[in-house]
């Protein structure tokens, strides 16, 4: 069973963008920044601002927003840092979904083990 990605809503310049991650979108982000490194850095409280800007820009662009990484970076430096950091947290949560079979029927590994 494939992972189910969570939709993310990101506000940017007065508009709200709803983005449901796909593997293709996550690969575009990964071309610029490691999502696991971003998650780790957010968790330790020492995120790289350029990584946050890149990830958010890719997500917003995928939703049709006319935004650049530079635009997001400027907002991080001079705008509402908390809001932008919240966007980064939302992206990380959306990128690493829970197993949809968790707590439900046996997954492929469990079925294979029972078959032995």
N, C-alpha and C. Protein backbone atom coordinates (compact mmCIF):
# COMPACT_ATOMS: atom_id res chain seq x y z
N UNK A 1 0.85 -1.18 0.00
CA UNK A 1 0.00 0.00 0.00
C UNK A 1 0.89 1.24 0.00
N UNK A 2 0.59 2.17 -0.85
CA UNK A 2 1.39 3.40 -0.95
C UNK A 2 1.09 4.33 0.22
N UNK A 3 2.07 5.15 0.52
CA UNK A 3 1.90 6.14 1.59
C UNK A 3 0.87 7.17 1.15
N UNK A 4 0.15 7.71 2.10
CA UNK A 4 -0.83 8.74 1.81
C UNK A 4 -0.27 10.06 2.33
N UNK A 5 -0.01 10.95 1.41
CA UNK A 5 0.55 12.24 1.79
C UNK A 5 -0.55 13.17 2.28
N UNK A 6 -0.22 13.99 3.25
CA UNK A 6 -1.17 14.94 3.81
C UNK A 6 -1.13 16.25 3.03
N UNK A 7 -2.30 16.77 2.75
CA UNK A 7 -2.39 18.07 2.09
C UNK A 7 -1.90 19.15 3.04
N UNK A 8 -1.23 20.15 2.48
CA UNK A 8 -0.69 21.26 3.24
C UNK A 8 -1.32 22.54 2.70
N UNK A 9 -1.66 23.44 3.61
CA UNK A 9 -2.13 24.75 3.20
C UNK A 9 -1.08 25.77 3.63
N UNK A 10 -0.60 26.53 2.65
CA UNK A 10 0.44 27.52 2.91
C UNK A 10 -0.09 28.89 2.47
N UNK A 11 -0.03 29.84 3.38
CA UNK A 11 -0.41 31.20 3.04
C UNK A 11 0.79 31.97 2.52
N UNK A 12 0.56 32.71 1.44
CA UNK A 12 1.65 33.51 0.88
C UNK A 12 1.08 34.76 0.24
N UNK A 13 1.50 35.90 0.74
CA UNK A 13 1.11 37.21 0.20
C UNK A 13 -0.41 37.34 0.06
N UNK A 14 -1.12 36.94 1.12
CA UNK A 14 -2.57 37.10 1.16
C UNK A 14 -3.37 36.00 0.49
N UNK A 15 -2.73 35.04 -0.13
CA UNK A 15 -3.44 33.93 -0.77
C UNK A 15 -3.08 32.64 -0.05
N UNK A 16 -4.02 31.69 -0.09
CA UNK A 16 -3.74 30.38 0.49
C UNK A 16 -3.61 29.36 -0.62
N UNK A 17 -2.59 28.53 -0.50
CA UNK A 17 -2.30 27.50 -1.50
C UNK A 17 -2.40 26.14 -0.83
N UNK A 18 -3.21 25.28 -1.44
CA UNK A 18 -3.37 23.92 -0.95
C UNK A 18 -2.51 23.01 -1.83
N UNK A 19 -1.65 22.25 -1.16
CA UNK A 19 -0.70 21.40 -1.90
C UNK A 19 -0.75 20.00 -1.31
N UNK A 20 -1.02 19.01 -2.15
CA UNK A 20 -0.93 17.62 -1.72
C UNK A 20 0.36 17.07 -2.31
N UNK A 21 1.33 16.77 -1.46
CA UNK A 21 2.63 16.30 -1.96
C UNK A 21 2.51 15.03 -2.79
N UNK A 22 3.36 14.94 -3.76
CA UNK A 22 3.52 13.72 -4.55
C UNK A 22 5.00 13.37 -4.49
N UNK A 23 5.31 12.17 -4.91
CA UNK A 23 6.71 11.79 -4.94
C UNK A 23 7.49 12.69 -5.89
N UNK A 24 6.88 13.08 -7.00
CA UNK A 24 7.55 13.98 -7.95
C UNK A 24 7.87 15.32 -7.29
N UNK A 25 6.92 15.86 -6.53
CA UNK A 25 7.16 17.14 -5.84
C UNK A 25 8.27 16.99 -4.81
N UNK A 26 8.24 15.92 -4.04
CA UNK A 26 9.28 15.71 -3.04
C UNK A 26 10.65 15.55 -3.69
N UNK A 27 10.69 14.91 -4.85
CA UNK A 27 11.97 14.79 -5.58
C UNK A 27 12.47 16.16 -6.03
N UNK A 28 11.56 17.06 -6.43
CA UNK A 28 11.98 18.42 -6.81
C UNK A 28 12.59 19.15 -5.62
N UNK A 29 11.98 18.98 -4.45
CA UNK A 29 12.54 19.59 -3.24
C UNK A 29 13.90 18.99 -2.96
N UNK A 30 14.00 17.66 -3.05
CA UNK A 30 15.25 16.96 -2.74
C UNK A 30 16.39 17.34 -3.70
N UNK A 31 16.06 17.87 -4.86
CA UNK A 31 17.11 18.35 -5.77
C UNK A 31 17.79 19.59 -5.21
N UNK A 32 17.11 20.24 -4.29
CA UNK A 32 17.65 21.48 -3.70
C UNK A 32 18.10 21.30 -2.26
N UNK A 33 17.34 20.50 -1.49
CA UNK A 33 17.63 20.33 -0.06
C UNK A 33 17.12 18.97 0.40
N UNK A 34 17.85 18.35 1.29
CA UNK A 34 17.44 17.07 1.85
C UNK A 34 16.29 17.30 2.84
N UNK A 35 15.17 16.64 2.59
CA UNK A 35 14.04 16.78 3.49
C UNK A 35 14.35 16.21 4.87
N UNK A 36 15.10 15.12 4.92
CA UNK A 36 15.45 14.57 6.24
C UNK A 36 16.37 15.52 7.00
N UNK A 37 17.29 16.17 6.30
CA UNK A 37 18.17 17.15 6.95
C UNK A 37 17.36 18.35 7.42
N UNK A 38 16.39 18.77 6.60
CA UNK A 38 15.52 19.88 7.00
C UNK A 38 14.73 19.51 8.24
N UNK A 39 14.16 18.31 8.26
CA UNK A 39 13.40 17.85 9.42
C UNK A 39 14.29 17.81 10.66
N UNK A 40 15.49 17.30 10.52
CA UNK A 40 16.41 17.21 11.65
C UNK A 40 16.77 18.61 12.15
N UNK A 41 17.08 19.50 11.23
CA UNK A 41 17.49 20.85 11.64
C UNK A 41 16.34 21.61 12.31
N UNK A 42 15.11 21.40 11.84
CA UNK A 42 13.96 22.03 12.49
C UNK A 42 13.76 21.45 13.89
N UNK A 43 13.99 20.14 14.01
CA UNK A 43 13.83 19.48 15.29
C UNK A 43 14.85 19.90 16.33
N UNK A 44 16.04 20.26 15.87
CA UNK A 44 17.09 20.67 16.80
C UNK A 44 17.08 22.18 17.05
N UNK A 45 16.25 22.89 16.30
CA UNK A 45 16.16 24.33 16.49
C UNK A 45 17.24 25.11 15.78
N UNK A 46 17.93 24.47 14.85
CA UNK A 46 19.00 25.15 14.11
C UNK A 46 18.84 24.94 12.61
N UNK A 47 17.68 25.34 12.06
CA UNK A 47 17.48 25.13 10.62
C UNK A 47 18.29 26.10 9.77
N UNK A 48 18.66 25.65 8.60
CA UNK A 48 19.34 26.53 7.65
C UNK A 48 18.27 27.31 6.89
N UNK A 49 18.35 28.61 6.97
CA UNK A 49 17.33 29.46 6.37
C UNK A 49 17.23 29.25 4.86
N UNK A 50 18.36 29.01 4.21
CA UNK A 50 18.33 28.80 2.77
C UNK A 50 17.58 27.51 2.42
N UNK A 51 17.68 26.50 3.27
CA UNK A 51 16.97 25.24 3.03
C UNK A 51 15.47 25.43 3.20
N UNK A 52 15.09 26.17 4.23
CA UNK A 52 13.67 26.46 4.44
C UNK A 52 13.12 27.22 3.22
N UNK A 53 13.84 28.23 2.78
CA UNK A 53 13.40 29.04 1.64
C UNK A 53 13.23 28.19 0.39
N UNK A 54 14.17 27.31 0.14
CA UNK A 54 14.09 26.46 -1.05
C UNK A 54 12.89 25.53 -1.00
N UNK A 55 12.70 24.85 0.12
CA UNK A 55 11.59 23.89 0.24
C UNK A 55 10.24 24.59 0.10
N UNK A 56 10.08 25.70 0.77
CA UNK A 56 8.81 26.43 0.70
C UNK A 56 8.56 26.93 -0.72
N UNK A 57 9.58 27.46 -1.37
CA UNK A 57 9.42 27.98 -2.73
C UNK A 57 8.98 26.88 -3.69
N UNK A 58 9.59 25.71 -3.59
CA UNK A 58 9.22 24.60 -4.48
C UNK A 58 7.76 24.21 -4.26
N UNK A 59 7.34 24.12 -3.00
CA UNK A 59 5.94 23.77 -2.71
C UNK A 59 4.99 24.84 -3.25
N UNK A 60 5.30 26.11 -3.01
CA UNK A 60 4.43 27.18 -3.50
C UNK A 60 4.39 27.22 -5.03
N UNK A 61 5.52 27.03 -5.67
CA UNK A 61 5.56 27.00 -7.14
C UNK A 61 4.69 25.87 -7.68
N UNK A 62 4.72 24.72 -7.00
CA UNK A 62 3.91 23.58 -7.43
C UNK A 62 2.41 23.89 -7.35
N UNK A 63 2.06 24.79 -6.45
CA UNK A 63 0.66 25.19 -6.29
C UNK A 63 0.27 26.34 -7.21
N UNK A 64 1.23 26.85 -7.97
CA UNK A 64 0.94 27.92 -8.92
C UNK A 64 1.31 29.31 -8.47
N UNK A 65 1.95 29.43 -7.32
CA UNK A 65 2.35 30.76 -6.84
C UNK A 65 3.55 31.26 -7.63
N UNK A 66 3.55 32.53 -7.89
CA UNK A 66 4.68 33.17 -8.55
C UNK A 66 5.64 33.66 -7.45
N UNK A 67 6.56 32.79 -7.07
CA UNK A 67 7.46 33.07 -5.96
C UNK A 67 8.82 32.45 -6.26
N UNK A 68 9.86 33.08 -5.78
CA UNK A 68 11.21 32.54 -5.93
C UNK A 68 11.76 32.17 -4.56
N UNK A 69 12.83 31.43 -4.56
CA UNK A 69 13.52 31.12 -3.31
C UNK A 69 13.98 32.41 -2.64
N UNK A 70 14.43 33.36 -3.43
CA UNK A 70 14.87 34.65 -2.89
C UNK A 70 13.72 35.37 -2.17
N UNK A 71 12.51 35.31 -2.76
CA UNK A 71 11.34 35.94 -2.13
C UNK A 71 11.09 35.35 -0.75
N UNK A 72 11.15 34.02 -0.67
CA UNK A 72 10.89 33.35 0.61
C UNK A 72 12.01 33.68 1.60
N UNK A 73 13.23 33.72 1.12
CA UNK A 73 14.37 34.03 1.99
C UNK A 73 14.23 35.44 2.58
N UNK A 74 13.84 36.39 1.75
CA UNK A 74 13.65 37.76 2.24
C UNK A 74 12.56 37.79 3.31
N UNK A 75 11.48 37.04 3.10
CA UNK A 75 10.42 36.97 4.10
C UNK A 75 10.93 36.36 5.40
N UNK A 76 11.80 35.37 5.29
CA UNK A 76 12.39 34.77 6.49
C UNK A 76 13.23 35.78 7.27
N UNK A 77 13.96 36.59 6.57
CA UNK A 77 14.86 37.55 7.21
C UNK A 77 14.11 38.78 7.72
N UNK A 78 13.19 39.30 6.91
CA UNK A 78 12.57 40.58 7.25
C UNK A 78 11.08 40.51 7.58
N UNK A 79 10.46 39.36 7.38
CA UNK A 79 9.02 39.25 7.60
C UNK A 79 8.70 38.47 8.86
N UNK A 80 7.64 37.73 8.78
CA UNK A 80 7.16 36.94 9.91
C UNK A 80 7.88 35.60 9.94
N UNK A 81 8.97 35.54 10.67
CA UNK A 81 9.80 34.33 10.72
C UNK A 81 9.01 33.15 11.26
N UNK A 82 8.17 33.38 12.23
CA UNK A 82 7.37 32.30 12.81
C UNK A 82 6.45 31.66 11.79
N UNK A 83 5.82 32.50 10.96
CA UNK A 83 4.91 31.98 9.94
C UNK A 83 5.67 31.15 8.91
N UNK A 84 6.82 31.62 8.51
CA UNK A 84 7.60 30.89 7.50
C UNK A 84 8.13 29.58 8.09
N UNK A 85 8.56 29.62 9.34
CA UNK A 85 9.03 28.40 9.99
C UNK A 85 7.87 27.41 10.14
N UNK A 86 6.68 27.90 10.42
CA UNK A 86 5.50 27.02 10.49
C UNK A 86 5.24 26.35 9.15
N UNK A 87 5.46 27.10 8.06
CA UNK A 87 5.31 26.51 6.73
C UNK A 87 6.29 25.37 6.55
N UNK A 88 7.52 25.57 6.97
CA UNK A 88 8.54 24.53 6.84
C UNK A 88 8.15 23.30 7.64
N UNK A 89 7.64 23.49 8.85
CA UNK A 89 7.18 22.35 9.65
C UNK A 89 6.05 21.61 8.95
N UNK A 90 5.12 22.35 8.36
CA UNK A 90 4.01 21.72 7.65
C UNK A 90 4.50 20.89 6.47
N UNK A 91 5.50 21.40 5.77
CA UNK A 91 6.06 20.66 4.64
C UNK A 91 6.71 19.37 5.10
N UNK A 92 7.44 19.44 6.19
CA UNK A 92 8.10 18.23 6.72
C UNK A 92 7.05 17.21 7.15
N UNK A 93 6.01 17.66 7.83
CA UNK A 93 4.96 16.73 8.25
C UNK A 93 4.29 16.10 7.04
N UNK A 94 4.05 16.89 6.02
CA UNK A 94 3.41 16.37 4.80
C UNK A 94 4.33 15.42 4.05
N UNK A 95 5.62 15.66 4.11
CA UNK A 95 6.58 14.85 3.35
C UNK A 95 6.82 13.48 3.98
N UNK A 96 6.57 13.37 5.28
CA UNK A 96 6.82 12.11 5.98
C UNK A 96 5.52 11.60 6.60
N UNK A 97 4.64 11.05 5.77
CA UNK A 97 3.33 10.62 6.28
C UNK A 97 3.44 9.38 7.16
N UNK A 98 2.42 9.21 7.99
CA UNK A 98 2.34 7.99 8.78
C UNK A 98 1.95 6.85 7.86
N UNK A 99 2.27 5.65 8.29
CA UNK A 99 1.90 4.46 7.54
C UNK A 99 0.38 4.34 7.59
N UNK A 100 -0.31 4.34 6.43
CA UNK A 100 -1.76 4.28 6.44
C UNK A 100 -2.29 2.96 7.00
N UNK A 101 -1.47 1.92 7.04
CA UNK A 101 -1.89 0.62 7.56
C UNK A 101 -1.62 0.49 9.06
N UNK A 102 -1.01 1.50 9.65
CA UNK A 102 -0.67 1.45 11.07
C UNK A 102 -1.94 1.26 11.90
N UNK A 103 -1.93 0.21 12.70
CA UNK A 103 -3.06 -0.08 13.56
C UNK A 103 -4.21 -0.76 12.85
N UNK A 104 -4.04 -1.06 11.59
CA UNK A 104 -5.09 -1.72 10.82
C UNK A 104 -4.64 -3.13 10.49
N UNK A 105 -5.08 -3.62 9.38
CA UNK A 105 -4.73 -4.97 8.96
C UNK A 105 -3.23 -5.10 8.77
N UNK A 106 -2.76 -6.33 8.70
CA UNK A 106 -1.34 -6.59 8.51
C UNK A 106 -0.85 -5.99 7.21
N UNK A 107 0.35 -5.43 7.26
CA UNK A 107 0.99 -4.92 6.06
C UNK A 107 1.70 -6.05 5.34
N UNK A 108 2.35 -5.77 4.21
CA UNK A 108 3.02 -6.81 3.42
C UNK A 108 4.05 -7.61 4.22
N UNK A 109 4.81 -6.95 5.07
CA UNK A 109 5.84 -7.67 5.84
C UNK A 109 5.20 -8.66 6.80
N UNK A 110 4.12 -8.24 7.46
CA UNK A 110 3.46 -9.12 8.41
C UNK A 110 2.82 -10.30 7.69
N UNK A 111 2.20 -10.06 6.55
CA UNK A 111 1.57 -11.14 5.79
C UNK A 111 2.62 -12.13 5.32
N UNK A 112 3.78 -11.62 4.87
CA UNK A 112 4.84 -12.52 4.41
C UNK A 112 5.37 -13.36 5.55
N UNK A 113 5.51 -12.76 6.73
CA UNK A 113 6.02 -13.50 7.88
C UNK A 113 5.03 -14.59 8.31
N UNK A 114 3.75 -14.30 8.25
CA UNK A 114 2.74 -15.30 8.62
C UNK A 114 2.68 -16.43 7.62
N UNK A 115 3.00 -16.15 6.36
CA UNK A 115 2.95 -17.17 5.31
C UNK A 115 4.05 -18.20 5.45
N UNK A 116 5.11 -17.85 6.17
CA UNK A 116 6.25 -18.77 6.31
C UNK A 116 5.96 -19.90 7.23
